[in-house]
Amino acid sequence: MPSSVTLTDASRFWLQLGLVSFGGPAGQIALLHRELVERRRWLSEQRYLHALNYCMLLPGPEAMQLATYLGWLMHGIPGGLIAGGLFVLPSVFVLTVLSFVYALWGQLPLLVSVFAVLKPAVLAIVVMAAWRIGSRTLRTPLLVALAIAGFLALTLLKLPYPLLVITAGLIGLLTARWRPSLLVVSKPHGAGSSSAEQDQPAALHDDDSASPDHARFSRRRLAVTLLVWALATLVPLAALASFGGWNGILALMGRFFTRVALLSFGGAYAVLPYVAQGAVEQFNWLSASQMLDGLALGETTPGPLIMVVAFVGFMGGWNQGLAAGAGNWPLAIAATLVTVWFTFLPSFGFILAGAPLVEASRSVLHIGRFEQNEPTRSMPTPNAVSAWSQRQFCFSDA
């Protein structure tokens, strides 16, 4: 087990991750698992899955949010900001450079061909990610059936992602109440854990490790986080409105991409049609063919796929100056920064505000037992749960 990980060492890892995070969310989540759980042992399997479960419920890029959560868990708010920031900054830089080249020379086919050789490796990462995560989480017939039903509901019935999440949660609550044995793996009497689990060294943040001091819930810290989140949204938006007007292109992008960030349930593929409709049809920031070219670039560069909004922002600012006979590259850079800021700011807010509550939930008996696949025990009585919850949630205001 590593004795400790400094913020410098962790920052170096997050930067390396941002440079090689191809493959969309599945590949990125698999990469995080392989590096942090299997190779470096910075946290255990269950701590990783507990964080992943929360991030999967949020709007926005789940892999970036997972990196932010894990960075926060290890090094507090600075660690979370560094992890999330370095996860997206290399992608912002690459896409901005490629957008500038595209705007000047339109050599997108050549650029895409350079990255085309990465696609077979990306596909392999995605397939392995699905297999690896599925094999660790779908351990009972009920969970396998729910996974199949969810896949069919998304692909064939086209049901909205939030509806599936709510339905799965209700099924889980009802099953935990009436048939908890369906959620745990039954083992023969006296059987221990698998040899692979026994051979793994303990993790820095293990299943039974207490949450660090900075990860404990505090009402005062939550209030400060929410205040900073609100100011980080409203102050830049007010500055943009004073610079170019409330309906100016920069203020309009800030408001539009804030809505995108809050509505992007189900991954980038679910929200990109909404982005395309707004950017192409409603605001005329770029043409339909340019939007398709931006999607091609986003597919072949590192970082979350939703980063294609950086291309949308750049081209929106660039095209603003074409009426005068030349592209407006200062406005294009400003629009890129505005787009990225308002798209990813909510993700940081959701993690830094909600993660302490998620960490506290690890100690809830009826949640922790099912997550850790422990043998079934009798459910606590309502009075016992009430007494426990009063002790657990008397949080410090420090």
Protein backbone atom coordinates (compact mmCIF):
# COMPACT_ATOMS: atom_id res chain seq x y z
CA MET A 1 0.00 0.00 0.00
CA PRO A 2 1.38 3.48 -0.77
CA SER A 3 2.09 5.33 2.49
CA SER A 4 1.00 8.68 1.03
CA VAL A 5 0.58 10.53 -2.24
CA THR A 6 1.67 14.15 -2.42
CA LEU A 7 -0.33 16.74 -4.30
CA THR A 8 2.60 17.15 -6.69
CA ASP A 9 2.67 13.45 -7.52
CA ALA A 10 -1.09 13.38 -7.95
CA SER A 11 -1.00 16.47 -10.18
CA ARG A 12 1.59 14.84 -12.39
CA PHE A 13 -0.71 11.83 -12.79
CA TRP A 14 -3.78 13.97 -13.59
CA LEU A 15 -1.83 15.79 -16.28
CA GLN A 16 -0.72 12.50 -17.83
CA LEU A 17 -4.31 11.29 -17.71
CA GLY A 18 -5.54 14.42 -19.48
CA LEU A 19 -3.06 13.84 -22.30
CA VAL A 20 -4.04 10.22 -22.96
CA SER A 21 -7.75 10.13 -22.04
CA PHE A 22 -9.06 8.90 -25.38
CA GLY A 23 -12.05 6.61 -25.77
CA GLY A 24 -14.93 8.62 -24.36
CA PRO A 25 -16.32 8.07 -20.84
CA ALA A 26 -16.10 4.27 -20.92
CA GLY A 27 -12.43 4.27 -21.88
CA GLN A 28 -11.61 7.09 -19.46
CA ILE A 29 -13.38 5.38 -16.55
CA ALA A 30 -11.53 2.15 -17.37
CA LEU A 31 -8.24 4.04 -17.47
CA LEU A 32 -8.93 5.59 -14.06
CA HIS A 33 -9.77 2.17 -12.64
CA ARG A 34 -6.67 0.51 -14.03
CA GLU A 35 -4.32 3.24 -12.82
CA LEU A 36 -5.80 4.15 -9.43
CA VAL A 37 -7.35 0.86 -8.25
CA GLU A 38 -5.28 -1.89 -9.87
CA ARG A 39 -1.86 -0.38 -10.42
CA ARG A 40 -1.28 2.43 -7.90
CA ARG A 41 -3.71 1.25 -5.18
CA TRP A 42 -4.66 4.80 -4.24
CA LEU A 43 -8.18 3.59 -3.45
CA SER A 44 -10.07 0.33 -3.24
CA GLU A 45 -12.56 -1.16 -5.65
CA GLN A 46 -15.55 -0.25 -3.49
CA ARG A 47 -14.41 3.34 -2.87
CA TYR A 48 -14.00 3.73 -6.63
CA LEU A 49 -17.43 2.28 -7.41
CA HIS A 50 -19.06 4.37 -4.67
CA ALA A 51 -17.71 7.56 -6.26
CA LEU A 52 -18.60 6.34 -9.75
CA ASN A 53 -22.20 5.63 -8.74
CA TYR A 54 -22.64 9.25 -7.66
CA CYS A 55 -21.02 10.68 -10.79
CA MET A 56 -23.21 8.56 -13.04
CA LEU A 57 -26.29 10.23 -11.56
CA LEU A 58 -25.12 13.77 -12.34
CA PRO A 59 -25.52 15.78 -15.51
CA GLY A 60 -22.23 16.41 -17.26
CA PRO A 61 -19.15 14.36 -18.17
CA GLU A 62 -18.99 11.53 -15.65
CA ALA A 63 -15.31 10.66 -16.22
CA MET A 64 -14.23 14.26 -15.55
CA GLN A 65 -16.48 14.37 -12.49
CA LEU A 66 -15.03 11.07 -11.25
CA ALA A 67 -11.49 12.44 -11.58
CA THR A 68 -12.57 15.56 -9.68
CA TYR A 69 -14.14 13.45 -6.93
CA LEU A 70 -11.07 11.25 -6.52
CA GLY A 71 -8.74 14.25 -6.55
CA TRP A 72 -10.91 15.88 -3.88
CA LEU A 73 -10.95 12.69 -1.79
CA MET A 74 -7.17 12.55 -1.71
CA HIS A 75 -6.26 16.23 -1.39
CA GLY A 76 -9.36 18.25 -0.69
CA ILE A 77 -10.64 21.12 -2.81
CA PRO A 78 -7.20 21.92 -4.34
CA GLY A 79 -6.87 18.28 -5.38
CA GLY A 80 -10.35 18.25 -6.90
CA LEU A 81 -9.79 21.45 -8.86
CA ILE A 82 -6.41 20.23 -10.14
CA ALA A 83 -7.72 16.78 -11.09
CA GLY A 84 -10.76 18.10 -12.93
CA GLY A 85 -8.89 20.99 -14.50
CA LEU A 86 -6.00 18.90 -15.81
CA PHE A 87 -8.48 16.35 -17.12
CA VAL A 88 -9.94 18.92 -19.54
CA LEU A 89 -7.22 21.54 -20.13
CA PRO A 90 -5.12 19.47 -22.57
CA SER A 91 -8.26 18.80 -24.59
CA VAL A 92 -9.14 22.51 -24.57
CA PHE A 93 -5.68 23.39 -25.87
CA VAL A 94 -5.67 20.70 -28.58
CA LEU A 95 -9.18 21.52 -29.81
CA THR A 96 -8.46 25.26 -29.85
CA VAL A 97 -5.35 24.75 -31.97
CA LEU A 98 -7.16 22.37 -34.33
CA SER A 99 -10.12 24.75 -34.55
CA PHE A 100 -7.76 27.59 -35.52
CA VAL A 101 -6.14 25.42 -38.20
CA TYR A 102 -9.57 24.34 -39.43
CA ALA A 103 -10.85 27.91 -39.58
CA LEU A 104 -7.80 29.07 -41.57
CA TRP A 105 -7.25 26.19 -43.96
CA GLY A 106 -10.14 23.76 -43.56
CA GLN A 107 -7.82 20.76 -43.66
CA LEU A 108 -10.01 18.66 -41.43
CA PRO A 109 -9.74 15.40 -43.48
CA LEU A 110 -5.96 15.50 -43.08
CA LEU A 111 -6.26 16.15 -39.35
CA VAL A 112 -8.76 13.36 -38.85
CA SER A 113 -6.56 10.90 -40.75
CA VAL A 114 -3.73 11.59 -38.29
CA PHE A 115 -5.92 10.43 -35.43
CA ALA A 116 -7.69 7.65 -37.32
CA VAL A 117 -5.05 5.11 -36.29
CA LEU A 118 -6.14 5.60 -32.68
CA LYS A 119 -9.69 4.38 -33.29
CA PRO A 120 -9.00 0.60 -33.11
CA ALA A 121 -7.21 1.08 -29.78
CA VAL A 122 -10.03 3.30 -28.54
CA LEU A 123 -12.60 0.66 -29.46
CA ALA A 124 -10.63 -2.00 -27.57
CA ILE A 125 -10.49 0.25 -24.48
CA VAL A 126 -14.25 0.82 -24.58
CA VAL A 127 -15.04 -2.90 -24.92
CA MET A 128 -12.67 -3.83 -22.10
CA ALA A 129 -14.14 -1.06 -19.93
CA ALA A 130 -17.66 -2.39 -20.36
CA TRP A 131 -16.55 -5.94 -19.60
CA ARG A 132 -14.42 -5.00 -16.59
CA ILE A 133 -16.96 -2.77 -14.88
CA GLY A 134 -19.83 -5.11 -15.70
CA SER A 135 -18.04 -8.12 -14.28
CA ARG A 136 -17.47 -6.29 -11.01
CA THR A 137 -20.93 -4.85 -10.54
CA LEU A 138 -23.39 -7.26 -12.19
CA ARG A 139 -22.98 -10.10 -9.71
CA THR A 140 -26.56 -11.29 -9.30
CA PRO A 141 -29.24 -12.34 -11.82
CA LEU A 142 -31.39 -9.35 -10.84
CA LEU A 143 -28.58 -6.87 -11.59
CA VAL A 144 -27.87 -8.53 -14.92
CA ALA A 145 -31.57 -8.39 -15.81
CA LEU A 146 -31.73 -4.70 -14.87
CA ALA A 147 -28.68 -3.94 -17.01
CA ILE A 148 -30.19 -5.70 -20.02
CA ALA A 149 -33.55 -3.99 -19.48
CA GLY A 150 -31.86 -0.60 -19.20
CA PHE A 151 -29.90 -1.15 -22.40
CA LEU A 152 -33.03 -2.16 -24.31
CA ALA A 153 -34.98 0.77 -22.89
CA LEU A 154 -32.31 3.22 -24.05
CA THR A 155 -31.68 1.74 -27.48
CA LEU A 156 -35.08 0.41 -28.57
CA LEU A 157 -37.67 2.33 -26.55
CA LYS A 158 -35.65 5.58 -26.49
CA LEU A 159 -36.68 6.25 -22.89
CA PRO A 160 -35.04 9.28 -21.23
CA TYR A 161 -32.00 8.57 -19.09
CA PRO A 162 -33.33 10.28 -15.90
CA LEU A 163 -36.43 8.06 -16.03
CA LEU A 164 -34.24 4.94 -16.12
CA VAL A 165 -32.16 6.14 -13.17
CA ILE A 166 -35.24 6.90 -11.07
CA THR A 167 -36.84 3.57 -11.96
CA ALA A 168 -33.68 1.63 -11.12
CA GLY A 169 -33.41 3.47 -7.81
CA LEU A 170 -37.00 2.63 -6.88
CA ILE A 171 -36.44 -1.02 -7.79
CA GLY A 172 -33.34 -1.03 -5.61
CA LEU A 173 -35.20 0.49 -2.64
CA LEU A 174 -38.09 -1.95 -2.93
CA THR A 175 -35.78 -4.93 -3.36
CA ALA A 176 -33.66 -3.87 -0.38
CA ARG A 177 -36.84 -3.63 1.69
CA TRP A 178 -38.55 -6.87 0.67
CA ARG A 179 -35.97 -9.18 -0.94
CA PRO A 180 -32.46 -8.00 0.05
CA SER A 181 -30.98 -11.40 -0.80
CA LEU A 182 -31.46 -10.59 -4.51
CA LEU A 183 -28.85 -7.82 -4.25
CA VAL A 184 -26.00 -9.77 -2.69
CA VAL A 185 -23.81 -12.62 -3.83
CA SER A 186 -24.46 -15.83 -1.97
CA LYS A 187 -21.31 -17.71 -1.00
CA PRO A 188 -20.91 -21.22 0.35
CA HIS A 189 -20.51 -21.38 4.12
CA GLY A 190 -16.94 -20.63 5.05
CA ALA A 191 -16.00 -19.38 1.60
CA GLY A 192 -13.72 -16.38 1.59
CA SER A 193 -12.93 -13.81 -0.97
CA SER A 194 -11.38 -14.70 -4.28
CA SER A 195 -7.67 -15.24 -4.60
CA ALA A 196 -7.38 -12.14 -6.75
CA GLU A 197 -8.91 -10.06 -3.96
CA GLN A 198 -6.72 -11.72 -1.34
CA ASP A 199 -3.55 -11.07 -3.33
CA GLN A 200 -4.28 -7.35 -3.74
CA PRO A 201 -2.45 -5.12 -1.26
CA ALA A 202 -4.47 -2.74 0.87
CA ALA A 203 -5.30 0.58 -0.76
CA LEU A 204 -4.45 4.02 0.55
CA HIS A 205 -8.21 4.71 0.78
CA ASP A 206 -9.49 1.22 1.55
CA ASP A 207 -13.03 -0.09 2.06
CA ASP A 208 -12.90 0.43 5.80
CA SER A 209 -10.71 3.55 5.85
CA ALA A 210 -12.25 6.56 7.54
CA SER A 211 -12.92 9.57 5.36
CA PRO A 212 -10.20 12.24 5.60
CA ASP A 213 -10.97 15.31 7.70
CA HIS A 214 -11.54 17.45 4.61
CA ALA A 215 -14.09 14.92 3.32
CA ARG A 216 -16.35 15.15 6.37
CA PHE A 217 -19.57 17.03 5.89
CA SER A 218 -19.81 20.55 7.29
CA ARG A 219 -22.78 22.86 6.89
CA ARG A 220 -20.50 25.86 6.90
CA ARG A 221 -18.25 24.39 4.21
CA LEU A 222 -21.30 23.51 2.10
CA ALA A 223 -22.62 27.07 2.39
CA VAL A 224 -19.24 28.51 1.34
CA THR A 225 -19.02 26.09 -1.60
CA LEU A 226 -22.50 27.02 -2.82
CA LEU A 227 -21.72 30.74 -2.46
CA VAL A 228 -18.48 30.45 -4.43
CA TRP A 229 -20.27 28.38 -7.09
CA ALA A 230 -22.97 31.05 -7.44
CA LEU A 231 -20.41 33.87 -7.63
CA ALA A 232 -18.32 31.96 -10.19
CA THR A 233 -21.44 31.74 -12.36
CA LEU A 234 -23.04 35.16 -11.87
CA VAL A 235 -19.99 37.44 -11.75
CA PRO A 236 -18.53 36.34 -15.13
CA LEU A 237 -22.01 36.40 -16.65
CA ALA A 238 -22.57 39.96 -15.42
CA ALA A 239 -19.15 40.99 -16.76
CA LEU A 240 -19.93 39.49 -20.18
CA ALA A 241 -23.32 41.25 -20.23
CA SER A 242 -21.71 44.58 -19.39
CA PHE A 243 -19.09 44.05 -22.09
CA GLY A 244 -21.32 43.08 -25.01
CA GLY A 245 -24.88 43.34 -23.76
CA TRP A 246 -27.21 40.73 -22.28
CA ASN A 247 -27.90 39.34 -25.75
CA GLY A 248 -24.32 39.69 -26.93
CA ILE A 249 -22.66 36.56 -28.24
CA LEU A 250 -20.51 35.95 -25.14
CA ALA A 251 -23.30 36.42 -22.60
CA LEU A 252 -25.60 34.34 -24.79
CA MET A 253 -23.03 31.54 -24.91
CA GLY A 254 -22.63 31.69 -21.15
CA ARG A 255 -26.36 31.23 -20.56
CA PHE A 256 -26.78 28.61 -23.28
CA PHE A 257 -23.91 26.38 -22.18
CA THR A 258 -24.97 26.62 -18.55
CA ARG A 259 -28.28 25.08 -19.65
CA VAL A 260 -26.35 22.47 -21.63
CA ALA A 261 -24.34 21.53 -18.52
CA LEU A 262 -27.46 21.17 -16.38
CA LEU A 263 -29.38 19.13 -18.97
CA SER A 264 -26.66 16.76 -20.15
CA PHE A 265 -27.98 13.56 -18.54
CA GLY A 266 -27.08 10.37 -20.36
CA GLY A 267 -23.71 11.45 -21.68
CA ALA A 268 -22.53 13.69 -24.51
CA TYR A 269 -24.38 11.78 -27.21
CA ALA A 270 -27.69 12.59 -25.51
CA VAL A 271 -27.04 16.33 -25.29
CA LEU A 272 -25.14 17.02 -28.53
CA PRO A 273 -28.35 17.14 -30.64
CA TYR A 274 -29.54 19.92 -28.31
CA VAL A 275 -26.22 21.73 -28.74
CA ALA A 276 -26.38 21.36 -32.51
CA GLN A 277 -29.95 22.63 -32.66
CA GLY A 278 -29.13 25.71 -30.61
CA ALA A 279 -25.76 26.53 -32.17
CA VAL A 280 -26.76 25.88 -35.80
CA GLU A 281 -30.48 26.55 -36.11
CA GLN A 282 -31.25 28.98 -33.30
CA PHE A 283 -28.15 31.18 -33.00
CA ASN A 284 -26.39 30.53 -36.35
CA TRP A 285 -22.98 30.38 -34.71
CA LEU A 286 -21.77 27.82 -37.26
CA SER A 287 -23.10 25.77 -40.16
CA ALA A 288 -24.39 22.19 -40.00
CA SER A 289 -21.35 20.93 -41.92
CA GLN A 290 -19.02 22.72 -39.50
CA MET A 291 -20.86 21.13 -36.60
CA LEU A 292 -20.29 17.67 -38.08
CA ASP A 293 -16.61 18.48 -38.57
CA GLY A 294 -16.41 19.54 -34.93
CA LEU A 295 -17.91 16.23 -33.85
CA ALA A 296 -15.25 14.41 -35.87
CA LEU A 297 -12.52 16.38 -34.11
CA GLY A 298 -14.07 15.76 -30.70
CA GLU A 299 -14.13 12.01 -31.34
CA THR A 300 -10.41 11.87 -32.10
CA THR A 301 -8.94 14.09 -29.39
CA PRO A 302 -8.38 13.36 -25.68
CA GLY A 303 -10.82 14.50 -23.04
CA PRO A 304 -14.61 14.25 -22.69
CA LEU A 305 -16.61 14.23 -25.92
CA ILE A 306 -18.68 17.19 -24.70
CA MET A 307 -15.48 19.19 -25.25
CA VAL A 308 -16.74 19.62 -28.81
CA VAL A 309 -18.44 22.70 -27.35
CA ALA A 310 -15.02 24.35 -27.44
CA PHE A 311 -15.07 24.00 -31.23
CA VAL A 312 -18.61 25.40 -31.30
CA GLY A 313 -17.55 28.39 -29.24
CA PHE A 314 -14.44 29.03 -31.33
CA MET A 315 -16.30 28.87 -34.63
CA GLY A 316 -19.10 31.05 -33.25
CA GLY A 317 -16.62 33.78 -32.38
CA TRP A 318 -14.64 33.29 -35.58
CA ASN A 319 -17.67 33.48 -37.85
CA GLN A 320 -18.74 36.68 -36.15
CA GLY A 321 -15.97 38.52 -37.99
CA LEU A 322 -16.37 36.88 -41.39
CA ALA A 323 -18.91 39.50 -42.46
CA ALA A 324 -16.06 42.02 -42.30
CA GLY A 325 -13.92 39.80 -44.54
CA ALA A 326 -11.75 38.09 -41.93
CA GLY A 327 -12.19 35.83 -38.96
CA ASN A 328 -12.18 37.36 -35.50
CA TRP A 329 -9.61 35.28 -33.64
CA PRO A 330 -9.62 37.30 -30.34
CA LEU A 331 -13.39 36.86 -30.11
CA ALA A 332 -12.97 33.18 -31.07
CA ILE A 333 -10.53 32.60 -28.19
CA ALA A 334 -12.78 34.50 -25.77
CA ALA A 335 -15.82 32.50 -26.90
CA THR A 336 -13.90 29.24 -26.43
CA LEU A 337 -12.97 30.15 -22.86
CA VAL A 338 -16.52 31.28 -22.05
CA THR A 339 -17.96 28.07 -23.46
CA VAL A 340 -15.59 25.82 -21.53
CA TRP A 341 -16.06 27.77 -18.28
CA PHE A 342 -19.85 27.62 -18.24
CA THR A 343 -19.99 24.02 -19.50
CA PHE A 344 -17.72 22.53 -16.83
CA LEU A 345 -18.32 24.83 -13.86
CA PRO A 346 -21.51 22.97 -12.78
CA SER A 347 -19.57 19.69 -12.69
CA PHE A 348 -17.10 21.12 -10.18
CA GLY A 349 -20.00 22.51 -8.15
CA PHE A 350 -21.86 19.20 -8.03
CA ILE A 351 -18.76 17.34 -6.86
CA LEU A 352 -17.38 19.79 -4.32
CA ALA A 353 -20.82 20.40 -2.80
CA GLY A 354 -22.17 16.85 -2.89
CA ALA A 355 -19.13 14.64 -2.37
CA PRO A 356 -19.01 15.07 1.46
CA LEU A 357 -22.60 13.81 1.67
CA VAL A 358 -21.73 10.89 -0.59
CA GLU A 359 -18.76 10.01 1.60
CA ALA A 360 -20.99 10.12 4.69
CA SER A 361 -23.38 7.68 3.03
CA ARG A 362 -20.67 5.00 3.01
CA SER A 363 -21.50 4.38 6.65
CA VAL A 364 -25.21 3.86 6.10
CA LEU A 365 -25.75 0.21 6.95
CA HIS A 366 -28.29 -0.75 4.30
CA ILE A 367 -26.25 0.94 1.55
CA GLY A 368 -22.79 -0.15 2.58
CA ARG A 369 -23.75 -3.77 2.98
CA PHE A 370 -25.09 -4.15 -0.56
CA GLU A 371 -22.23 -2.22 -2.13
CA GLN A 372 -19.63 -4.43 -0.46
CA ASN A 373 -21.50 -7.69 -1.29
CA GLU A 374 -21.43 -8.80 2.31
CA PRO A 375 -23.55 -11.75 3.43
CA THR A 376 -27.15 -10.86 4.13
CA ARG A 377 -27.93 -9.79 7.69
CA SER A 378 -31.18 -8.83 9.27
CA MET A 379 -32.31 -5.31 8.48
CA PRO A 380 -32.00 -2.84 11.38
CA THR A 381 -35.21 -1.82 13.05
CA PRO A 382 -36.61 1.65 12.31
CA ASN A 383 -35.69 2.78 15.82
CA ALA A 384 -32.13 1.58 15.35
CA VAL A 385 -31.83 3.36 12.02
CA SER A 386 -33.24 6.55 13.54
CA ALA A 387 -30.83 6.43 16.46
CA TRP A 388 -27.91 5.71 14.17
CA SER A 389 -28.81 8.53 11.78
CA GLN A 390 -29.00 11.03 14.64
CA ARG A 391 -25.44 10.13 15.62
CA GLN A 392 -24.13 9.94 12.05
CA PHE A 393 -25.46 13.25 10.77
CA CYS A 394 -24.58 15.44 13.74
CA PHE A 395 -21.89 16.99 11.58
CA SER A 396 -19.36 19.53 12.64
CA ASP A 397 -19.79 23.15 11.55
CA ALA A 398 -16.04 23.57 11.34
